[in-house]
Amino acid sequence: MPYAIFSTGGAQFRAEPGVTIKVPLLAAEPGSKVTFDQVLLASDGKQVHAGKPVVKGAKVTAEIVRHGKGKKIKIYRFARRTGYRRHGGHRQQFTEIKIADVKLKGD
């Protein structure tokens, strides 16, 4: 089975056709197609192609399923003896994508 490791949003992800993964928020509508060309490593099931730094001609195409927010994390700052207390929270936004195809340069 072909697979690839690609980079988007400062993180790296493993992609296989038919798999759904969460990536940092992308500026595209759900249902649209996106292409990732920053492929760091690609395999066709027989050979592995490593990039220097990217594999030329390799692409990962995916369809955007939905946008969402991750689990909330709580932030609390505290300084002793001064009465200084601050609290807040953060929910990281993400885009869920379904990998449609992994192409090497010869495909």
PDB file of N, CA and C in Angstrom:
ATOM      1  N   MET A   1       0.845  -1.178   0.000  1.00  0.00           N
ATOM      2  CA  MET A   1       0.000   0.000   0.000  1.00  0.00           C
ATOM      3  C   MET A   1       0.891   1.242   0.000  1.00  0.00           C
ATOM      4  N   PRO A   2       0.614   2.199  -0.879  1.00  0.00           N
ATOM      5  CA  PRO A   2       1.433   3.410  -0.909  1.00  0.00           C
ATOM      6  C   PRO A   2       1.158   4.297   0.303  1.00  0.00           C
ATOM      7  N   TYR A   3       2.193   4.978   0.739  1.00  0.00           N
ATOM      8  CA  TYR A   3       2.040   5.943   1.818  1.00  0.00           C
ATOM      9  C   TYR A   3       3.051   7.056   1.622  1.00  0.00           C
ATOM     10  N   ALA A   4       2.851   8.151   2.328  1.00  0.00           N
ATOM     11  CA  ALA A   4       3.762   9.290   2.251  1.00  0.00           C
ATOM     12  C   ALA A   4       3.771  10.012   3.588  1.00  0.00           C
ATOM     13  N   ILE A   5       4.861  10.705   3.839  1.00  0.00           N
ATOM     14  CA  ILE A   5       4.954  11.598   4.989  1.00  0.00           C
ATOM     15  C   ILE A   5       5.075  13.004   4.420  1.00  0.00           C
ATOM     16  N   PHE A   6       4.113  13.855   4.759  1.00  0.00           N
ATOM     17  CA  PHE A   6       4.103  15.214   4.229  1.00  0.00           C
ATOM     18  C   PHE A   6       4.083  16.219   5.368  1.00  0.00           C
ATOM     19  N   SER A   7       4.387  17.461   5.013  1.00  0.00           N
ATOM     20  CA  SER A   7       4.474  18.533   5.997  1.00  0.00           C
ATOM     21  C   SER A   7       3.437  19.603   5.679  1.00  0.00           C
ATOM     22  N   THR A   8       2.732  20.045   6.707  1.00  0.00           N
ATOM     23  CA  THR A   8       1.818  21.174   6.578  1.00  0.00           C
ATOM     24  C   THR A   8       1.637  21.812   7.949  1.00  0.00           C
ATOM     25  N   GLY A   9       1.587  23.116   7.992  1.00  0.00           N
ATOM     26  CA  GLY A   9       1.361  23.827   9.246  1.00  0.00           C
ATOM     27  C   GLY A   9       2.442  23.608  10.286  1.00  0.00           C
ATOM     28  N   GLY A  10       3.667  23.307   9.855  1.00  0.00           N
ATOM     29  CA  GLY A  10       4.767  23.115  10.787  1.00  0.00           C
ATOM     30  C   GLY A  10       4.803  21.750  11.442  1.00  0.00           C
ATOM     31  N   ALA A  11       3.993  20.813  10.957  1.00  0.00           N
ATOM     32  CA  ALA A  11       3.972  19.458  11.510  1.00  0.00           C
ATOM     33  C   ALA A  11       4.042  18.450  10.365  1.00  0.00           C
ATOM     34  N   GLN A  12       4.393  17.217  10.700  1.00  0.00           N
ATOM     35  CA  GLN A  12       4.512  16.158   9.704  1.00  0.00           C
ATOM     36  C   GLN A  12       3.463  15.084   9.974  1.00  0.00           C
ATOM     37  N   PHE A  13       2.901  14.534   8.892  1.00  0.00           N
ATOM     38  CA  PHE A  13       1.823  13.563   8.999  1.00  0.00           C
ATOM     39  C   PHE A  13       2.054  12.413   8.032  1.00  0.00           C
ATOM     40  N   ARG A  14       1.612  11.223   8.431  1.00  0.00           N
ATOM     41  CA  ARG A  14       1.675  10.047   7.563  1.00  0.00           C
ATOM     42  C   ARG A  14       0.338   9.921   6.846  1.00  0.00           C
ATOM     43  N   ALA A  15       0.393   9.768   5.523  1.00  0.00           N
ATOM     44  CA  ALA A  15      -0.819   9.706   4.713  1.00  0.00           C
ATOM     45  C   ALA A  15      -0.894   8.383   3.965  1.00  0.00           C
ATOM     46  N   GLU A  16      -2.041   7.736   4.049  1.00  0.00           N
ATOM     47  CA  GLU A  16      -2.361   6.540   3.272  1.00  0.00           C
ATOM     48  C   GLU A  16      -3.732   6.766   2.652  1.00  0.00           C
ATOM     49  N   PRO A  17      -3.970   6.285   1.442  1.00  0.00           N
ATOM     50  CA  PRO A  17      -5.280   6.486   0.814  1.00  0.00           C
ATOM     51  C   PRO A  17      -6.413   5.919   1.673  1.00  0.00           C
ATOM     52  N   GLY A  18      -7.466   6.733   1.836  1.00  0.00           N
ATOM     53  CA  GLY A  18      -8.637   6.318   2.600  1.00  0.00           C
ATOM     54  C   GLY A  18      -8.600   6.647   4.077  1.00  0.00           C
ATOM     55  N   VAL A  19      -7.467   7.121   4.585  1.00  0.00           N
ATOM     56  CA  VAL A  19      -7.315   7.411   6.009  1.00  0.00           C
ATOM     57  C   VAL A  19      -7.724   8.857   6.289  1.00  0.00           C
ATOM     58  N   THR A  20      -8.380   9.092   7.422  1.00  0.00           N
ATOM     59  CA  THR A  20      -8.773  10.435   7.846  1.00  0.00           C
ATOM     60  C   THR A  20      -7.834  10.903   8.951  1.00  0.00           C
ATOM     61  N   ILE A  21      -7.260  12.114   8.791  1.00  0.00           N
ATOM     62  CA  ILE A  21      -6.345  12.665   9.793  1.00  0.00           C
ATOM     63  C   ILE A  21      -6.708  14.117  10.089  1.00  0.00           C
ATOM     64  N   LYS A  22      -6.238  14.602  11.242  1.00  0.00           N
ATOM     65  CA  LYS A  22      -6.447  15.994  11.636  1.00  0.00           C
ATOM     66  C   LYS A  22      -5.142  16.756  11.439  1.00  0.00           C
ATOM     67  N   VAL A  23      -5.227  17.889  10.729  1.00  0.00           N
ATOM     68  CA  VAL A  23      -4.073  18.745  10.472  1.00  0.00           C
ATOM     69  C   VAL A  23      -4.399  20.146  10.981  1.00  0.00           C
ATOM     70  N   PRO A  24      -3.392  21.013  11.163  1.00  0.00           N
ATOM     71  CA  PRO A  24      -3.684  22.396  11.549  1.00  0.00           C
ATOM     72  C   PRO A  24      -4.622  23.063  10.538  1.00  0.00           C
ATOM     73  N   LEU A  25      -5.362  24.039  10.996  1.00  0.00           N
ATOM     74  CA  LEU A  25      -6.427  24.674  10.218  1.00  0.00           C
ATOM     75  C   LEU A  25      -5.959  25.113   8.832  1.00  0.00           C
ATOM     76  N   LEU A  26      -6.732  24.722   7.812  1.00  0.00           N
ATOM     77  CA  LEU A  26      -6.480  25.112   6.427  1.00  0.00           C
ATOM     78  C   LEU A  26      -7.571  26.077   5.984  1.00  0.00           C
ATOM     79  N   ALA A  27      -7.203  27.031   5.135  1.00  0.00           N
ATOM     80  CA  ALA A  27      -8.160  28.023   4.653  1.00  0.00           C
ATOM     81  C   ALA A  27      -8.845  27.507   3.390  1.00  0.00           C
ATOM     82  N   ALA A  28      -9.760  26.558   3.553  1.00  0.00           N
ATOM     83  CA  ALA A  28     -10.530  26.009   2.440  1.00  0.00           C
ATOM     84  C   ALA A  28     -11.852  25.485   2.994  1.00  0.00           C
ATOM     85  N   GLU A  29     -12.831  25.388   2.125  1.00  0.00           N
ATOM     86  CA  GLU A  29     -14.168  24.969   2.537  1.00  0.00           C
ATOM     87  C   GLU A  29     -14.280  23.446   2.622  1.00  0.00           C
ATOM     88  N   PRO A  30     -15.113  22.932   3.527  1.00  0.00           N
ATOM     89  CA  PRO A  30     -15.360  21.485   3.563  1.00  0.00           C
ATOM     90  C   PRO A  30     -15.923  20.994   2.228  1.00  0.00           C
ATOM     91  N   GLY A  31     -15.433  19.852   1.786  1.00  0.00           N
ATOM     92  CA  GLY A  31     -15.843  19.299   0.500  1.00  0.00           C
ATOM     93  C   GLY A  31     -14.882  19.619  -0.626  1.00  0.00           C
ATOM     94  N   SER A  32     -13.988  20.589  -0.415  1.00  0.00           N
ATOM     95  CA  SER A  32     -13.034  20.947  -1.462  1.00  0.00           C
ATOM     96  C   SER A  32     -11.803  20.044  -1.402  1.00  0.00           C
ATOM     97  N   LYS A  33     -11.068  20.007  -2.504  1.00  0.00           N
ATOM     98  CA  LYS A  33      -9.860  19.189  -2.612  1.00  0.00           C
ATOM     99  C   LYS A  33      -8.640  20.052  -2.324  1.00  0.00           C
ATOM    100  N   VAL A  34      -7.661  19.477  -1.643  1.00  0.00           N
ATOM    101  CA  VAL A  34      -6.391  20.156  -1.387  1.00  0.00           C
ATOM    102  C   VAL A  34      -5.258  19.232  -1.809  1.00  0.00           C
ATOM    103  N   THR A  35      -4.132  19.845  -2.194  1.00  0.00           N
ATOM    104  CA  THR A  35      -2.955  19.093  -2.612  1.00  0.00           C
ATOM    105  C   THR A  35      -1.777  19.533  -1.772  1.00  0.00           C
ATOM    106  N   PHE A  36      -1.039  18.571  -1.256  1.00  0.00           N
ATOM    107  CA  PHE A  36       0.164  18.836  -0.477  1.00  0.00           C
ATOM    108  C   PHE A  36       1.360  18.376  -1.300  1.00  0.00           C
ATOM    109  N   ASP A  37       2.276  19.294  -1.605  1.00  0.00           N
ATOM    110  CA  ASP A  37       3.449  18.922  -2.397  1.00  0.00           C
ATOM    111  C   ASP A  37       4.734  18.874  -1.572  1.00  0.00           C
ATOM    112  N   GLN A  38       4.659  19.187  -0.294  1.00  0.00           N
ATOM    113  CA  GLN A  38       5.818  19.097   0.596  1.00  0.00           C
ATOM    114  C   GLN A  38       5.928  17.664   1.129  1.00  0.00           C
ATOM    115  N   VAL A  39       6.187  16.719   0.235  1.00  0.00           N
ATOM    116  CA  VAL A  39       6.277  15.303   0.594  1.00  0.00           C
ATOM    117  C   VAL A  39       7.722  14.994   0.962  1.00  0.00           C
ATOM    118  N   LEU A  40       7.945  14.584   2.206  1.00  0.00           N
ATOM    119  CA  LEU A  40       9.291  14.331   2.709  1.00  0.00           C
ATOM    120  C   LEU A  40       9.751  12.908   2.433  1.00  0.00           C
ATOM    121  N   LEU A  41       8.803  11.970   2.388  1.00  0.00           N
ATOM    122  CA  LEU A  41       9.119  10.569   2.149  1.00  0.00           C
ATOM    123  C   LEU A  41       7.908   9.931   1.481  1.00  0.00           C
ATOM    124  N   ALA A  42       8.159   9.087   0.484  1.00  0.00           N
ATOM    125  CA  ALA A  42       7.060   8.427  -0.211  1.00  0.00           C
ATOM    126  C   ALA A  42       7.434   6.985  -0.505  1.00  0.00           C
ATOM    127  N   SER A  43       6.432   6.119  -0.462  1.00  0.00           N
ATOM    128  CA  SER A  43       6.646   4.706  -0.751  1.00  0.00           C
ATOM    129  C   SER A  43       5.516   4.207  -1.637  1.00  0.00           C
ATOM    130  N   ASP A  44       5.870   3.360  -2.616  1.00  0.00           N
ATOM    131  CA  ASP A  44       4.871   2.759  -3.491  1.00  0.00           C
ATOM    132  C   ASP A  44       4.542   1.333  -3.075  1.00  0.00           C
ATOM    133  N   GLY A  45       5.033   0.908  -1.933  1.00  0.00           N
ATOM    134  CA  GLY A  45       4.816  -0.449  -1.463  1.00  0.00           C
ATOM    135  C   GLY A  45       6.013  -1.345  -1.705  1.00  0.00           C
ATOM    136  N   LYS A  46       6.856  -0.979  -2.677  1.00  0.00           N
ATOM    137  CA  LYS A  46       8.056  -1.757  -2.989  1.00  0.00           C
ATOM    138  C   LYS A  46       9.322  -0.992  -2.632  1.00  0.00           C
ATOM    139  N   GLN A  47       9.361   0.273  -3.023  1.00  0.00           N
ATOM    140  CA  GLN A  47      10.528   1.117  -2.772  1.00  0.00           C
ATOM    141  C   GLN A  47      10.135   2.319  -1.933  1.00  0.00           C
ATOM    142  N   VAL A  48      11.118   2.804  -1.172  1.00  0.00           N
ATOM    143  CA  VAL A  48      10.926   4.009  -0.369  1.00  0.00           C
ATOM    144  C   VAL A  48      11.785   5.109  -0.976  1.00  0.00           C
ATOM    145  N   HIS A  49      11.176   6.276  -1.221  1.00  0.00           N
ATOM    146  CA  HIS A  49      11.877   7.424  -1.788  1.00  0.00           C
ATOM    147  C   HIS A  49      11.957   8.504  -0.718  1.00  0.00           C
ATOM    148  N   ALA A  50      13.175   8.851  -0.322  1.00  0.00           N
ATOM    149  CA  ALA A  50      13.381   9.903   0.675  1.00  0.00           C
ATOM    150  C   ALA A  50      13.773  11.183  -0.042  1.00  0.00           C
ATOM    151  N   GLY A  51      13.227  12.303   0.402  1.00  0.00           N
ATOM    152  CA  GLY A  51      13.510  13.577  -0.232  1.00  0.00           C
ATOM    153  C   GLY A  51      14.714  14.264   0.360  1.00  0.00           C
ATOM    154  N   LYS A  52      15.251  15.215  -0.418  1.00  0.00           N
ATOM    155  CA  LYS A  52      16.400  16.018   0.023  1.00  0.00           C
ATOM    156  C   LYS A  52      16.108  17.483  -0.261  1.00  0.00           C
ATOM    157  N   PRO A  53      15.268  18.184   0.397  1.00  0.00           N
ATOM    158  CA  PRO A  53      14.437  17.790   1.531  1.00  0.00           C
ATOM    159  C   PRO A  53      13.077  17.219   1.141  1.00  0.00           C
ATOM    160  N   VAL A  54      12.626  17.434  -0.118  1.00  0.00           N
ATOM    161  CA  VAL A  54      11.319  16.903  -0.520  1.00  0.00           C
ATOM    162  C   VAL A  54      11.483  15.969  -1.716  1.00  0.00           C
ATOM    163  N   VAL A  55      10.514  15.083  -1.904  1.00  0.00           N
ATOM    164  CA  VAL A  55      10.509  14.179  -3.051  1.00  0.00           C
ATOM    165  C   VAL A  55       9.917  14.943  -4.229  1.00  0.00           C
ATOM    166  N   LYS A  56      10.713  15.122  -5.289  1.00  0.00           N
ATOM    167  CA  LYS A  56      10.255  15.903  -6.440  1.00  0.00           C
ATOM    168  C   LYS A  56       9.151  15.162  -7.182  1.00  0.00           C
ATOM    169  N   GLY A  57       8.089  15.880  -7.477  1.00  0.00           N
ATOM    170  CA  GLY A  57       6.982  15.318  -8.233  1.00  0.00           C
ATOM    171  C   GLY A  57       5.970  14.545  -7.410  1.00  0.00           C
ATOM    172  N   ALA A  58       6.235  14.307  -6.151  1.00  0.00           N
ATOM    173  CA  ALA A  58       5.298  13.555  -5.308  1.00  0.00           C
ATOM    174  C   ALA A  58       4.227  14.495  -4.757  1.00  0.00           C
ATOM    175  N   LYS A  59       2.992  13.988  -4.687  1.00  0.00           N
ATOM    176  CA  LYS A  59       1.872  14.792  -4.194  1.00  0.00           C
ATOM    177  C   LYS A  59       0.946  13.934  -3.353  1.00  0.00           C
ATOM    178  N   VAL A  60       0.308  14.577  -2.401  1.00  0.00           N
ATOM    179  CA  VAL A  60      -0.750  13.949  -1.614  1.00  0.00           C
ATOM    180  C   VAL A  60      -2.002  14.784  -1.844  1.00  0.00           C
ATOM    181  N   THR A  61      -3.068  14.155  -2.322  1.00  0.00           N
ATOM    182  CA  THR A  61      -4.330  14.865  -2.516  1.00  0.00           C
ATOM    183  C   THR A  61      -5.329  14.381  -1.473  1.00  0.00           C
ATOM    184  N   ALA A  62      -6.132  15.317  -0.996  1.00  0.00           N
ATOM    185  CA  ALA A  62      -7.085  14.999   0.068  1.00  0.00           C
ATOM    186  C   ALA A  62      -8.344  15.838  -0.100  1.00  0.00           C
ATOM    187  N   GLU A  63      -9.405  15.399   0.566  1.00  0.00           N
ATOM    188  CA  GLU A  63     -10.660  16.136   0.588  1.00  0.00           C
ATOM    189  C   GLU A  63     -10.914  16.604   2.011  1.00  0.00           C
ATOM    190  N   ILE A  64     -11.334  17.856   2.156  1.00  0.00           N
ATOM    191  CA  ILE A  64     -11.605  18.406   3.479  1.00  0.00           C
ATOM    192  C   ILE A  64     -12.960  17.888   3.957  1.00  0.00           C
ATOM    193  N   VAL A  65     -12.948  17.252   5.127  1.00  0.00           N
ATOM    194  CA  VAL A  65     -14.173  16.700   5.707  1.00  0.00           C
ATOM    195  C   VAL A  65     -14.870  17.755   6.554  1.00  0.00           C
ATOM    196  N   ARG A  66     -14.128  18.358   7.497  1.00  0.00           N
ATOM    197  CA  ARG A  66     -14.728  19.373   8.373  1.00  0.00           C
ATOM    198  C   ARG A  66     -13.633  20.165   9.064  1.00  0.00           C
ATOM    199  N   HIS A  67     -14.049  21.292   9.640  1.00  0.00           N
ATOM    200  CA  HIS A  67     -13.191  22.089  10.514  1.00  0.00           C
ATOM    201  C   HIS A  67     -13.710  21.910  11.937  1.00  0.00           C
ATOM    202  N   GLY A  68     -12.824  22.031  12.907  1.00  0.00           N
ATOM    203  CA  GLY A  68     -13.270  21.881  14.287  1.00  0.00           C
ATOM    204  C   GLY A  68     -12.272  22.459  15.262  1.00  0.00           C
ATOM    205  N   LYS A  69     -12.593  22.302  16.541  1.00  0.00           N
ATOM    206  CA  LYS A  69     -11.720  22.750  17.616  1.00  0.00           C
ATOM    207  C   LYS A  69     -11.381  21.562  18.495  1.00  0.00           C
ATOM    208  N   GLY A  70     -10.155  21.532  18.977  1.00  0.00           N
ATOM    209  CA  GLY A  70      -9.709  20.447  19.838  1.00  0.00           C
ATOM    210  C   GLY A  70     -10.200  20.615  21.263  1.00  0.00           C
ATOM    211  N   LYS A  71      -9.741  19.737  22.120  1.00  0.00           N
ATOM    212  CA  LYS A  71     -10.105  19.768  23.526  1.00  0.00           C
ATOM    213  C   LYS A  71      -9.542  21.032  24.178  1.00  0.00           C
ATOM    214  N   LYS A  72     -10.295  21.609  25.105  1.00  0.00           N
ATOM    215  CA  LYS A  72      -9.860  22.833  25.771  1.00  0.00           C
ATOM    216  C   LYS A  72      -8.769  22.535  26.790  1.00  0.00           C
ATOM    217  N   ILE A  73      -7.731  23.374  26.759  1.00  0.00           N
ATOM    218  CA  ILE A  73      -6.710  23.294  27.799  1.00  0.00           C
ATOM    219  C   ILE A  73      -6.826  24.539  28.659  1.00  0.00           C
ATOM    220  N   LYS A  74      -6.565  24.392  29.943  1.00  0.00           N
ATOM    221  CA  LYS A  74      -6.668  25.514  30.871  1.00  0.00           C
ATOM    222  C   LYS A  74      -5.280  26.054  31.171  1.00  0.00           C
ATOM    223  N   ILE A  75      -5.200  27.383  31.248  1.00  0.00           N
ATOM    224  CA  ILE A  75      -3.948  28.071  31.523  1.00  0.00           C
ATOM    225  C   ILE A  75      -4.140  28.881  32.795  1.00  0.00           C
ATOM    226  N   TYR A  76      -3.222  28.755  33.735  1.00  0.00           N
ATOM    227  CA  TYR A  76      -3.314  29.475  34.997  1.00  0.00           C
ATOM    228  C   TYR A  76      -1.942  30.015  35.357  1.00  0.00           C
ATOM    229  N   ARG A  77      -1.856  31.332  35.565  1.00  0.00           N
ATOM    230  CA  ARG A  77      -0.603  31.965  35.979  1.00  0.00           C
ATOM    231  C   ARG A  77      -0.761  32.463  37.401  1.00  0.00           C
ATOM    232  N   PHE A  78       0.283  32.293  38.178  1.00  0.00           N
ATOM    233  CA  PHE A  78       0.202  32.562  39.604  1.00  0.00           C
ATOM    234  C   PHE A  78       1.544  33.085  40.095  1.00  0.00           C
ATOM    235  N   ALA A  79       1.500  34.148  40.869  1.00  0.00           N
ATOM    236  CA  ALA A  79       2.708  34.658  41.527  1.00  0.00           C
ATOM    237  C   ALA A  79       2.424  34.707  43.022  1.00  0.00           C
ATOM    238  N   ARG A  80       3.230  34.048  43.783  1.00  0.00           N
ATOM    239  CA  ARG A  80       2.969  33.932  45.214  1.00  0.00           C
ATOM    240  C   ARG A  80       3.101  35.271  45.934  1.00  0.00           C
ATOM    241  N   ARG A  81       2.341  35.408  46.995  1.00  0.00           N
ATOM    242  CA  ARG A  81       2.368  36.549  47.926  1.00  0.00           C
ATOM    243  C   ARG A  81       1.978  37.886  47.314  1.00  0.00           C
ATOM    244  N   THR A  82       1.581  37.944  46.063  1.00  0.00           N
ATOM    245  CA  THR A  82       1.260  39.233  45.455  1.00  0.00           C
ATOM    246  C   THR A  82      -0.206  39.371  45.068  1.00  0.00           C
ATOM    247  N   GLY A  83      -0.949  38.285  45.117  1.00  0.00           N
ATOM    248  CA  GLY A  83      -2.344  38.331  44.694  1.00  0.00           C
ATOM    249  C   GLY A  83      -2.497  38.274  43.186  1.00  0.00           C
ATOM    250  N   TYR A  84      -1.424  37.956  42.475  1.00  0.00           N
ATOM    251  CA  TYR A  84      -1.463  37.903  41.014  1.00  0.00           C
ATOM    252  C   TYR A  84      -1.938  36.525  40.561  1.00  0.00           C
ATOM    253  N   ARG A  85      -3.102  36.507  39.932  1.00  0.00           N
ATOM    254  CA  ARG A  85      -3.638  35.270  39.386  1.00  0.00           C
ATOM    255  C   ARG A  85      -4.335  35.581  38.065  1.00  0.00           C
ATOM    256  N   ARG A  86      -4.039  34.803  37.056  1.00  0.00           N
ATOM    257  CA  ARG A  86      -4.678  34.950  35.747  1.00  0.00           C
ATOM    258  C   ARG A  86      -5.048  33.561  35.250  1.00  0.00           C
ATOM    259  N   HIS A  87      -6.203  33.444  34.653  1.00  0.00           N
ATOM    260  CA  HIS A  87      -6.574  32.156  34.082  1.00  0.00           C
ATOM    261  C   HIS A  87      -7.229  32.364  32.730  1.00  0.00           C
ATOM    262  N   GLY A  88      -7.125  31.366  31.911  1.00  0.00           N
ATOM    263  CA  GLY A  88      -7.709  31.411  30.577  1.00  0.00           C
ATOM    264  C   GLY A  88      -7.729  30.017  29.996  1.00  0.00           C
ATOM    265  N   GLY A  89      -8.079  29.929  28.744  1.00  0.00           N
ATOM    266  CA  GLY A  89      -8.127  28.639  28.085  1.00  0.00           C
ATOM    267  C   GLY A  89      -7.808  28.787  26.613  1.00  0.00           C
ATOM    268  N   HIS A  90      -7.599  27.653  25.965  1.00  0.00           N
ATOM    269  CA  HIS A  90      -7.286  27.652  24.539  1.00  0.00           C
ATOM    270  C   HIS A  90      -7.829  26.380  23.903  1.00  0.00           C
ATOM    271  N   ARG A  91      -8.420  26.531  22.719  1.00  0.00           N
ATOM    272  CA  ARG A  91      -8.856  25.382  21.923  1.00  0.00           C
ATOM    273  C   ARG A  91      -8.225  25.516  20.548  1.00  0.00           C
ATOM    274  N   GLN A  92      -7.361  24.565  20.211  1.00  0.00           N
ATOM    275  CA  GLN A  92      -6.652  24.601  18.934  1.00  0.00           C
ATOM    276  C   GLN A  92      -7.597  24.219  17.798  1.00  0.00           C
ATOM    277  N   GLN A  93      -7.597  25.024  16.738  1.00  0.00           N
ATOM    278  CA  GLN A  93      -8.438  24.728  15.584  1.00  0.00           C
ATOM    279  C   GLN A  93      -7.736  23.720  14.676  1.00  0.00           C
ATOM    280  N   PHE A  94      -8.528  22.855  14.043  1.00  0.00           N
ATOM    281  CA  PHE A  94      -7.960  21.855  13.151  1.00  0.00           C
ATOM    282  C   PHE A  94      -8.871  21.662  11.948  1.00  0.00           C
ATOM    283  N   THR A  95      -8.324  20.998  10.938  1.00  0.00           N
ATOM    284  CA  THR A  95      -9.080  20.594   9.769  1.00  0.00           C
ATOM    285  C   THR A  95      -8.948  19.086   9.643  1.00  0.00           C
ATOM    286  N   GLU A  96     -10.058  18.417   9.503  1.00  0.00           N
ATOM    287  CA  GLU A  96     -10.041  16.965   9.310  1.00  0.00           C
ATOM    288  C   GLU A  96     -10.082  16.690   7.811  1.00  0.00           C
ATOM    289  N   ILE A  97      -9.098  15.928   7.320  1.00  0.00           N
ATOM    290  CA  ILE A  97      -9.017  15.637   5.893  1.00  0.00           C
ATOM    291  C   ILE A  97      -9.028  14.127   5.667  1.00  0.00           C
ATOM    292  N   LYS A  98      -9.559  13.735   4.510  1.00  0.00           N
ATOM    293  CA  LYS A  98      -9.534  12.323   4.104  1.00  0.00           C
ATOM    294  C   LYS A  98      -8.598  12.214   2.911  1.00  0.00           C
ATOM    295  N   ILE A  99      -7.572  11.377   3.044  1.00  0.00           N
ATOM    296  CA  ILE A  99      -6.567  11.228   1.999  1.00  0.00           C
ATOM    297  C   ILE A  99      -7.193  10.483   0.823  1.00  0.00           C
ATOM    298  N   ALA A 100      -7.133  11.098  -0.361  1.00  0.00           N
ATOM    299  CA  ALA A 100      -7.696  10.488  -1.560  1.00  0.00           C
ATOM    300  C   ALA A 100      -6.639   9.706  -2.329  1.00  0.00           C
ATOM    301  N   ASP A 101      -5.431  10.277  -2.460  1.00  0.00           N
ATOM    302  CA  ASP A 101      -4.424   9.636  -3.295  1.00  0.00           C
ATOM    303  C   ASP A 101      -3.025  10.065  -2.881  1.00  0.00           C
ATOM    304  N   VAL A 102      -2.077   9.152  -3.049  1.00  0.00           N
ATOM    305  CA  VAL A 102      -0.654   9.433  -2.848  1.00  0.00           C
ATOM    306  C   VAL A 102       0.030   9.136  -4.168  1.00  0.00           C
ATOM    307  N   LYS A 103       0.623  10.163  -4.793  1.00  0.00           N
ATOM    308  CA  LYS A 103       1.260   9.986  -6.097  1.00  0.00           C
ATOM    309  C   LYS A 103       2.756  10.220  -5.999  1.00  0.00           C
ATOM    310  N   LEU A 104       3.505   9.344  -6.652  1.00  0.00           N
ATOM    311  CA  LEU A 104       4.935   9.549  -6.834  1.00  0.00           C
ATOM    312  C   LEU A 104       5.131  10.257  -8.163  1.00  0.00           C
ATOM    313  N   LYS A 105       6.368  10.638  -8.471  1.00  0.00           N
ATOM    314  CA  LYS A 105       6.598  11.419  -9.685  1.00  0.00           C
ATOM    315  C   LYS A 105       6.296  10.649 -10.965  1.00  0.00           C
ATOM    316  N   GLY A 106       6.427   9.323 -10.959  1.00  0.00           N
ATOM    317  CA  GLY A 106       6.184   8.537 -12.162  1.00  0.00           C
ATOM    318  C   GLY A 106       4.723   8.211 -12.403  1.00  0.00           C
ATOM    319  N   ASP A 107       3.866   8.428 -11.415  1.00  0.00           N
ATOM    320  CA  ASP A 107       2.451   8.034 -11.535  1.00  0.00           C
ATOM    321  C   ASP A 107       1.645   9.032 -12.319  1.00  0.00           C
TER     322      ASP A 107
END
